[in-house]
Amino acid sequence: MSWPSQLLDLNPLENRWPGLKHRFHKRFMELALCRSTNVAAIEKYCGMIHEAWTEVDQKLLQGLIESMTERVVAVIAAKDRLIDY
């Protein structure tokens, strides 16, 4: 199977980015932070992203991984067009 360049359906983590972004933003707002590019702020943001990632439900990630066979079959059947995932 050729790999379609823009087909997000074959990346199980693509479904997790909105949740990760939401967790990060919520924490950002709770701490009343403001955007900054200084080294200390960037290190703090990196730590916050790491915390948000570790809060991701492992069962959900496992389910996304286990859905890959179904995703590949659906993509092949759709002839490389978007599928409903």
N, C-alpha and C. Protein backbone atom coordinates (compact mmCIF):
# COMPACT_ATOMS: atom_id res chain seq x y z
N MET A 1 0.85 -1.18 0.00
CA MET A 1 0.00 0.00 0.00
C MET A 1 0.89 1.23 0.00
N SER A 2 0.63 2.15 -0.90
CA SER A 2 1.38 3.41 -0.86
C SER A 2 0.83 4.24 0.28
N TRP A 3 1.68 5.02 0.89
CA TRP A 3 1.28 5.82 2.06
C TRP A 3 0.84 7.19 1.59
N PRO A 4 -0.45 7.48 1.70
CA PRO A 4 -0.93 8.82 1.31
C PRO A 4 -0.31 9.89 2.20
N SER A 5 0.20 10.92 1.60
CA SER A 5 0.98 11.92 2.35
C SER A 5 0.18 12.69 3.39
N GLN A 6 -1.09 12.88 3.19
CA GLN A 6 -1.88 13.70 4.11
C GLN A 6 -2.93 12.89 4.86
N LEU A 7 -2.78 11.59 4.94
CA LEU A 7 -3.81 10.75 5.53
C LEU A 7 -3.58 10.57 7.03
N LEU A 8 -4.30 11.37 7.81
CA LEU A 8 -4.15 11.34 9.26
C LEU A 8 -4.79 10.11 9.88
N ASP A 9 -5.67 9.43 9.16
CA ASP A 9 -6.36 8.27 9.70
C ASP A 9 -5.40 7.16 10.10
N LEU A 10 -4.21 7.14 9.55
CA LEU A 10 -3.25 6.09 9.86
C LEU A 10 -2.28 6.48 10.97
N ASN A 11 -2.54 7.57 11.64
CA ASN A 11 -1.72 7.98 12.77
C ASN A 11 -2.62 7.98 14.00
N PRO A 12 -2.54 6.93 14.84
CA PRO A 12 -3.45 6.84 15.98
C PRO A 12 -3.29 7.98 16.98
N LEU A 13 -2.11 8.57 17.06
CA LEU A 13 -1.91 9.66 18.01
C LEU A 13 -2.54 10.97 17.55
N GLU A 14 -2.86 11.07 16.27
CA GLU A 14 -3.47 12.29 15.76
C GLU A 14 -4.77 12.61 16.50
N ASN A 15 -5.45 11.57 16.96
CA ASN A 15 -6.69 11.76 17.71
C ASN A 15 -6.46 12.31 19.11
N ARG A 16 -5.25 12.26 19.60
CA ARG A 16 -4.95 12.69 20.96
C ARG A 16 -4.48 14.12 21.05
N TRP A 17 -4.06 14.73 19.96
CA TRP A 17 -3.53 16.10 20.03
C TRP A 17 -4.53 17.10 20.59
N PRO A 18 -5.81 17.06 20.18
CA PRO A 18 -6.75 18.04 20.76
C PRO A 18 -6.86 17.92 22.29
N GLY A 19 -6.89 16.70 22.80
CA GLY A 19 -6.97 16.51 24.25
C GLY A 19 -5.72 17.00 24.96
N LEU A 20 -4.57 16.74 24.36
CA LEU A 20 -3.30 17.20 24.93
C LEU A 20 -3.25 18.73 24.94
N LYS A 21 -3.66 19.32 23.84
CA LYS A 21 -3.69 20.79 23.75
C LYS A 21 -4.64 21.37 24.80
N HIS A 22 -5.78 20.73 24.98
CA HIS A 22 -6.75 21.21 25.96
C HIS A 22 -6.17 21.15 27.38
N ARG A 23 -5.54 20.03 27.72
CA ARG A 23 -4.95 19.89 29.06
C ARG A 23 -3.86 20.94 29.30
N PHE A 24 -3.02 21.16 28.28
CA PHE A 24 -1.96 22.15 28.41
C PHE A 24 -2.56 23.54 28.61
N HIS A 25 -3.54 23.90 27.78
CA HIS A 25 -4.14 25.23 27.86
C HIS A 25 -4.84 25.43 29.20
N LYS A 26 -5.52 24.40 29.68
CA LYS A 26 -6.20 24.50 30.98
C LYS A 26 -5.19 24.79 32.08
N ARG A 27 -4.08 24.06 32.08
CA ARG A 27 -3.03 24.26 33.09
C ARG A 27 -2.41 25.65 32.94
N PHE A 28 -2.19 26.07 31.70
CA PHE A 28 -1.63 27.39 31.39
C PHE A 28 -2.50 28.48 32.00
N MET A 29 -3.82 28.34 31.80
CA MET A 29 -4.75 29.34 32.32
C MET A 29 -4.84 29.28 33.85
N GLU A 30 -4.81 28.08 34.43
CA GLU A 30 -4.87 27.93 35.89
C GLU A 30 -3.69 28.64 36.56
N LEU A 31 -2.55 28.59 35.91
CA LEU A 31 -1.35 29.21 36.47
C LEU A 31 -1.24 30.69 36.11
N ALA A 32 -2.21 31.18 35.36
CA ALA A 32 -2.24 32.59 34.93
C ALA A 32 -0.92 32.98 34.26
N LEU A 33 -0.46 32.12 33.38
CA LEU A 33 0.79 32.39 32.66
C LEU A 33 0.51 33.26 31.45
N CYS A 34 1.55 33.87 30.95
CA CYS A 34 1.44 34.60 29.70
C CYS A 34 2.54 34.07 28.77
N ARG A 35 2.29 34.17 27.48
CA ARG A 35 3.25 33.65 26.51
C ARG A 35 4.60 34.32 26.67
N SER A 36 5.63 33.51 26.58
CA SER A 36 6.99 34.04 26.70
C SER A 36 7.94 33.13 25.94
N THR A 37 9.05 33.71 25.51
CA THR A 37 10.07 32.92 24.83
C THR A 37 11.34 32.81 25.65
N ASN A 38 11.31 33.26 26.90
CA ASN A 38 12.54 33.14 27.69
C ASN A 38 12.75 31.67 28.08
N VAL A 39 13.97 31.31 28.37
CA VAL A 39 14.35 29.92 28.62
C VAL A 39 13.57 29.32 29.78
N ALA A 40 13.41 30.04 30.85
CA ALA A 40 12.68 29.51 32.02
C ALA A 40 11.23 29.20 31.67
N ALA A 41 10.60 30.08 30.90
CA ALA A 41 9.21 29.86 30.51
C ALA A 41 9.10 28.64 29.60
N ILE A 42 10.00 28.52 28.65
CA ILE A 42 9.97 27.38 27.73
C ILE A 42 10.17 26.08 28.50
N GLU A 43 11.07 26.07 29.47
CA GLU A 43 11.27 24.87 30.29
C GLU A 43 10.00 24.54 31.07
N LYS A 44 9.33 25.56 31.58
CA LYS A 44 8.08 25.36 32.31
C LYS A 44 7.02 24.78 31.37
N TYR A 45 6.90 25.32 30.15
CA TYR A 45 5.94 24.82 29.17
C TYR A 45 6.23 23.36 28.83
N CYS A 46 7.49 23.03 28.67
CA CYS A 46 7.87 21.64 28.37
C CYS A 46 7.43 20.71 29.50
N GLY A 47 7.63 21.13 30.72
CA GLY A 47 7.19 20.35 31.86
C GLY A 47 5.67 20.18 31.88
N MET A 48 4.96 21.24 31.53
CA MET A 48 3.50 21.18 31.50
C MET A 48 3.01 20.22 30.40
N ILE A 49 3.68 20.23 29.26
CA ILE A 49 3.32 19.32 28.18
C ILE A 49 3.57 17.88 28.62
N HIS A 50 4.69 17.66 29.29
CA HIS A 50 5.01 16.32 29.79
C HIS A 50 3.94 15.85 30.78
N GLU A 51 3.53 16.73 31.68
CA GLU A 51 2.48 16.38 32.64
C GLU A 51 1.18 16.05 31.92
N ALA A 52 0.81 16.86 30.93
CA ALA A 52 -0.43 16.61 30.19
C ALA A 52 -0.37 15.27 29.47
N TRP A 53 0.80 14.95 28.90
CA TRP A 53 0.95 13.68 28.19
C TRP A 53 0.81 12.50 29.15
N THR A 54 1.40 12.60 30.35
CA THR A 54 1.32 11.48 31.29
C THR A 54 -0.08 11.28 31.84
N GLU A 55 -0.95 12.28 31.71
CA GLU A 55 -2.33 12.17 32.16
C GLU A 55 -3.22 11.47 31.14
N VAL A 56 -2.70 11.23 29.92
CA VAL A 56 -3.50 10.58 28.88
C VAL A 56 -3.83 9.16 29.34
N ASP A 57 -5.09 8.79 29.20
CA ASP A 57 -5.56 7.47 29.59
C ASP A 57 -4.88 6.39 28.74
N GLN A 58 -4.15 5.52 29.39
CA GLN A 58 -3.42 4.46 28.67
C GLN A 58 -4.37 3.49 27.97
N LYS A 59 -5.55 3.28 28.52
CA LYS A 59 -6.53 2.40 27.86
C LYS A 59 -6.98 3.01 26.54
N LEU A 60 -7.12 4.32 26.52
CA LEU A 60 -7.50 4.99 25.28
C LEU A 60 -6.39 4.83 24.24
N LEU A 61 -5.15 5.02 24.64
CA LEU A 61 -4.04 4.84 23.70
C LEU A 61 -3.99 3.40 23.19
N GLN A 62 -4.20 2.45 24.08
CA GLN A 62 -4.19 1.04 23.66
C GLN A 62 -5.30 0.78 22.66
N GLY A 63 -6.48 1.37 22.90
CA GLY A 63 -7.58 1.22 21.96
C GLY A 63 -7.26 1.80 20.59
N LEU A 64 -6.58 2.95 20.58
CA LEU A 64 -6.19 3.56 19.30
C LEU A 64 -5.21 2.65 18.55
N ILE A 65 -4.27 2.07 19.27
CA ILE A 65 -3.30 1.17 18.65
C ILE A 65 -4.00 -0.07 18.11
N GLU A 66 -4.90 -0.62 18.90
CA GLU A 66 -5.61 -1.83 18.48
C GLU A 66 -6.54 -1.58 17.30
N SER A 67 -6.93 -0.34 17.07
CA SER A 67 -7.82 -0.03 15.95
C SER A 67 -7.07 0.07 14.62
N MET A 68 -5.76 -0.06 14.64
CA MET A 68 -4.98 0.15 13.42
C MET A 68 -5.34 -0.83 12.30
N THR A 69 -5.58 -2.08 12.64
CA THR A 69 -5.94 -3.05 11.59
C THR A 69 -7.21 -2.60 10.88
N GLU A 70 -8.21 -2.20 11.66
CA GLU A 70 -9.47 -1.73 11.07
C GLU A 70 -9.24 -0.47 10.23
N ARG A 71 -8.38 0.41 10.70
CA ARG A 71 -8.09 1.65 9.96
C ARG A 71 -7.46 1.35 8.61
N VAL A 72 -6.47 0.45 8.61
CA VAL A 72 -5.78 0.12 7.36
C VAL A 72 -6.75 -0.51 6.38
N VAL A 73 -7.58 -1.43 6.85
CA VAL A 73 -8.58 -2.07 5.98
C VAL A 73 -9.53 -1.01 5.42
N ALA A 74 -9.98 -0.09 6.26
CA ALA A 74 -10.90 0.97 5.81
C ALA A 74 -10.24 1.89 4.78
N VAL A 75 -8.97 2.22 4.99
CA VAL A 75 -8.25 3.09 4.04
C VAL A 75 -8.09 2.40 2.70
N ILE A 76 -7.75 1.11 2.74
CA ILE A 76 -7.61 0.37 1.48
C ILE A 76 -8.95 0.33 0.75
N ALA A 77 -10.03 0.06 1.49
CA ALA A 77 -11.36 0.01 0.88
C ALA A 77 -11.77 1.37 0.32
N ALA A 78 -11.33 2.45 0.95
CA ALA A 78 -11.68 3.80 0.51
C ALA A 78 -10.75 4.31 -0.58
N LYS A 79 -9.83 3.47 -1.00
CA LYS A 79 -8.86 3.82 -2.06
C LYS A 79 -8.11 5.10 -1.71
N ASP A 80 -7.58 5.15 -0.50
CA ASP A 80 -6.73 6.23 0.00
C ASP A 80 -7.47 7.54 0.26
N ARG A 81 -8.80 7.51 0.25
CA ARG A 81 -9.55 8.72 0.61
C ARG A 81 -9.77 8.72 2.13
N LEU A 82 -10.23 9.84 2.64
CA LEU A 82 -10.48 9.94 4.08
C LEU A 82 -11.53 8.93 4.52
N ILE A 83 -11.34 8.42 5.72
CA ILE A 83 -12.31 7.50 6.29
C ILE A 83 -12.91 8.13 7.53
N ASP A 84 -13.88 7.48 8.13
CA ASP A 84 -14.61 8.04 9.26
C ASP A 84 -13.95 7.64 10.58
N TYR A 85 -12.75 8.15 10.86
CA TYR A 85 -12.06 7.91 12.14
C TYR A 85 -11.69 9.20 12.76
